[in-house]
Amino acid sequence: MSAVVRLDTRVLDAIIAAMPQKAEELVAAGAEAVQGRAAAKAPVDTGALRNSISAGFFRSLLWHVGDGVEYGIYQELGTSRMAAQPFMVPAVEWARPEYNKSWRKLFEAL
């Protein structure tokens, strides 16, 4: 006599199919949160730095957030003649708790 075992994988298949889309949405939301906070924290003289901060899709599950002015790095890190006025790193640190919580919720839903 042989035993027959049937495994219903419909729920697992649905999770696997839905995961990439939900993961992409979380990454996009995280990048957009960093962009908004960085723009809010950026030092303003002419407004060019603040207006140049953007978030954009790079490839699957990878977005880029950065500024489009040549002096942004000097504002962020400072120079020998100018103190740093960080805006990007604080924006990432500000967004991190909510971003981590979103990923935790996604994985708990599995």
C-alpha atoms as a PDB file:
ATOM      1  CA  MET A   1       0.000   0.000   0.000  1.00  0.00           C
ATOM      2  CA  SER A   2       1.402   3.414  -0.941  1.00  0.00           C
ATOM      3  CA  ALA A   3       0.619   6.770   0.614  1.00  0.00           C
ATOM      4  CA  VAL A   4      -0.335   9.756  -1.481  1.00  0.00           C
ATOM      5  CA  VAL A   5       0.481  13.218  -0.234  1.00  0.00           C
ATOM      6  CA  ARG A   6      -0.920  16.250  -1.917  1.00  0.00           C
ATOM      7  CA  LEU A   7       0.425  19.681  -1.169  1.00  0.00           C
ATOM      8  CA  ASP A   8      -1.726  22.667  -2.039  1.00  0.00           C
ATOM      9  CA  THR A   9       0.671  25.456  -3.013  1.00  0.00           C
ATOM     10  CA  ARG A  10      -1.883  27.974  -4.288  1.00  0.00           C
ATOM     11  CA  VAL A  11      -1.368  30.372  -1.372  1.00  0.00           C
ATOM     12  CA  LEU A  12       2.411  30.094  -1.606  1.00  0.00           C
ATOM     13  CA  ASP A  13       2.258  30.631  -5.361  1.00  0.00           C
ATOM     14  CA  ALA A  14       0.144  33.758  -4.850  1.00  0.00           C
ATOM     15  CA  ILE A  15       2.618  35.143  -2.301  1.00  0.00           C
ATOM     16  CA  ILE A  16       5.544  34.530  -4.625  1.00  0.00           C
ATOM     17  CA  ALA A  17       3.696  36.203  -7.500  1.00  0.00           C
ATOM     18  CA  ALA A  18       2.712  39.224  -5.377  1.00  0.00           C
ATOM     19  CA  MET A  19       6.040  39.705  -3.601  1.00  0.00           C
ATOM     20  CA  PRO A  20       7.999  41.404  -6.419  1.00  0.00           C
ATOM     21  CA  GLN A  21       5.321  44.067  -6.939  1.00  0.00           C
ATOM     22  CA  LYS A  22       4.955  44.776  -3.232  1.00  0.00           C
ATOM     23  CA  ALA A  23       8.726  44.872  -2.780  1.00  0.00           C
ATOM     24  CA  GLU A  24       9.066  47.332  -5.682  1.00  0.00           C
ATOM     25  CA  GLU A  25       6.395  49.530  -4.100  1.00  0.00           C
ATOM     26  CA  LEU A  26       8.218  49.542  -0.749  1.00  0.00           C
ATOM     27  CA  VAL A  27      11.540  50.468  -2.335  1.00  0.00           C
ATOM     28  CA  ALA A  28       9.909  53.266  -4.353  1.00  0.00           C
ATOM     29  CA  ALA A  29       8.138  54.631  -1.280  1.00  0.00           C
ATOM     30  CA  GLY A  30      11.372  54.560   0.701  1.00  0.00           C
ATOM     31  CA  ALA A  31      13.271  56.428  -2.016  1.00  0.00           C
ATOM     32  CA  GLU A  32      10.538  59.038  -2.304  1.00  0.00           C
ATOM     33  CA  ALA A  33      10.509  59.527   1.483  1.00  0.00           C
ATOM     34  CA  VAL A  34      14.273  60.104   1.465  1.00  0.00           C
ATOM     35  CA  GLN A  35      13.967  62.512  -1.459  1.00  0.00           C
ATOM     36  CA  GLY A  36      11.313  64.588   0.291  1.00  0.00           C
ATOM     37  CA  ARG A  37      13.165  64.743   3.590  1.00  0.00           C
ATOM     38  CA  ALA A  38      16.511  65.536   1.917  1.00  0.00           C
ATOM     39  CA  ALA A  39      14.913  68.393  -0.014  1.00  0.00           C
ATOM     40  CA  ALA A  40      13.391  69.726   3.200  1.00  0.00           C
ATOM     41  CA  LYS A  41      16.738  69.566   5.033  1.00  0.00           C
ATOM     42  CA  ALA A  42      18.961  70.856   2.218  1.00  0.00           C
ATOM     43  CA  PRO A  43      20.600  74.209   2.870  1.00  0.00           C
ATOM     44  CA  VAL A  44      19.093  76.948   0.726  1.00  0.00           C
ATOM     45  CA  ASP A  45      20.907  79.832  -0.885  1.00  0.00           C
ATOM     46  CA  THR A  46      19.538  79.946  -4.428  1.00  0.00           C
ATOM     47  CA  GLY A  47      17.322  76.860  -4.096  1.00  0.00           C
ATOM     48  CA  ALA A  48      19.216  75.002  -6.831  1.00  0.00           C
ATOM     49  CA  LEU A  49      20.376  72.222  -4.491  1.00  0.00           C
ATOM     50  CA  ARG A  50      16.925  71.682  -3.025  1.00  0.00           C
ATOM     51  CA  ASN A  51      15.299  71.674  -6.466  1.00  0.00           C
ATOM     52  CA  SER A  52      17.845  69.239  -7.878  1.00  0.00           C
ATOM     53  CA  ILE A  53      17.211  66.439  -5.372  1.00  0.00           C
ATOM     54  CA  SER A  54      15.464  63.573  -7.108  1.00  0.00           C
ATOM     55  CA  ALA A  55      14.614  59.911  -6.707  1.00  0.00           C
ATOM     56  CA  GLY A  56      14.591  57.609  -9.684  1.00  0.00           C
ATOM     57  CA  PHE A  57      14.264  53.989 -10.644  1.00  0.00           C
ATOM     58  CA  PHE A  58      17.621  52.413 -11.456  1.00  0.00           C
ATOM     59  CA  ARG A  59      16.712  48.732 -11.846  1.00  0.00           C
ATOM     60  CA  SER A  60      14.600  46.145 -10.092  1.00  0.00           C
ATOM     61  CA  LEU A  61      14.530  46.843  -6.360  1.00  0.00           C
ATOM     62  CA  LEU A  62      17.099  49.607  -6.714  1.00  0.00           C
ATOM     63  CA  TRP A  63      16.387  53.333  -6.727  1.00  0.00           C
ATOM     64  CA  HIS A  64      18.790  56.254  -6.691  1.00  0.00           C
ATOM     65  CA  VAL A  65      18.311  59.386  -4.611  1.00  0.00           C
ATOM     66  CA  GLY A  66      20.738  62.202  -5.207  1.00  0.00           C
ATOM     67  CA  ASP A  67      21.254  65.808  -6.067  1.00  0.00           C
ATOM     68  CA  GLY A  68      22.056  67.248  -9.444  1.00  0.00           C
ATOM     69  CA  VAL A  69      24.450  70.030  -8.533  1.00  0.00           C
ATOM     70  CA  GLU A  70      28.225  69.740  -8.462  1.00  0.00           C
ATOM     71  CA  TYR A  71      28.507  71.238  -4.967  1.00  0.00           C
ATOM     72  CA  GLY A  72      26.011  68.956  -3.208  1.00  0.00           C
ATOM     73  CA  ILE A  73      28.739  66.656  -1.893  1.00  0.00           C
ATOM     74  CA  TYR A  74      30.539  69.625  -0.338  1.00  0.00           C
ATOM     75  CA  GLN A  75      27.373  70.727   1.411  1.00  0.00           C
ATOM     76  CA  GLU A  76      26.846  67.195   2.720  1.00  0.00           C
ATOM     77  CA  LEU A  77      30.407  66.516   3.896  1.00  0.00           C
ATOM     78  CA  GLY A  78      31.950  69.964   4.252  1.00  0.00           C
ATOM     79  CA  THR A  79      35.398  71.131   3.153  1.00  0.00           C
ATOM     80  CA  SER A  80      38.518  72.440   4.844  1.00  0.00           C
ATOM     81  CA  ARG A  81      36.956  75.905   4.628  1.00  0.00           C
ATOM     82  CA  MET A  82      33.293  75.111   5.234  1.00  0.00           C
ATOM     83  CA  ALA A  83      31.445  73.093   7.839  1.00  0.00           C
ATOM     84  CA  ALA A  84      29.248  70.245   6.688  1.00  0.00           C
ATOM     85  CA  GLN A  85      25.528  70.886   6.328  1.00  0.00           C
ATOM     86  CA  PRO A  86      24.313  67.309   5.918  1.00  0.00           C
ATOM     87  CA  PHE A  87      20.941  66.714   4.343  1.00  0.00           C
ATOM     88  CA  MET A  88      21.092  63.313   2.594  1.00  0.00           C
ATOM     89  CA  VAL A  89      22.386  61.100   5.416  1.00  0.00           C
ATOM     90  CA  PRO A  90      19.944  62.603   7.942  1.00  0.00           C
ATOM     91  CA  ALA A  91      17.138  61.997   5.446  1.00  0.00           C
ATOM     92  CA  VAL A  92      18.087  58.324   5.129  1.00  0.00           C
ATOM     93  CA  GLU A  93      18.299  57.962   8.911  1.00  0.00           C
ATOM     94  CA  TRP A  94      14.923  59.669   9.305  1.00  0.00           C
ATOM     95  CA  ALA A  95      13.254  57.337   6.780  1.00  0.00           C
ATOM     96  CA  ARG A  96      14.860  54.130   8.008  1.00  0.00           C
ATOM     97  CA  PRO A  97      12.505  53.221  10.913  1.00  0.00           C
ATOM     98  CA  GLU A  98       9.368  53.464   8.768  1.00  0.00           C
ATOM     99  CA  TYR A  99      11.077  51.652   5.894  1.00  0.00           C
ATOM    100  CA  ASN A 100      12.113  48.803   8.191  1.00  0.00           C
ATOM    101  CA  LYS A 101       8.612  48.639   9.661  1.00  0.00           C
ATOM    102  CA  SER A 102       7.105  48.367   6.172  1.00  0.00           C
ATOM    103  CA  TRP A 103       9.382  45.442   5.283  1.00  0.00           C
ATOM    104  CA  ARG A 104       8.605  43.760   8.603  1.00  0.00           C
ATOM    105  CA  LYS A 105       4.858  44.022   7.891  1.00  0.00           C
ATOM    106  CA  LEU A 106       5.337  42.560   4.419  1.00  0.00           C
ATOM    107  CA  PHE A 107       7.247  39.562   5.731  1.00  0.00           C
ATOM    108  CA  GLU A 108       4.828  39.016   8.613  1.00  0.00           C
ATOM    109  CA  ALA A 109       1.971  38.901   6.101  1.00  0.00           C
ATOM    110  CA  LEU A 110       3.601  35.885   4.503  1.00  0.00           C
END
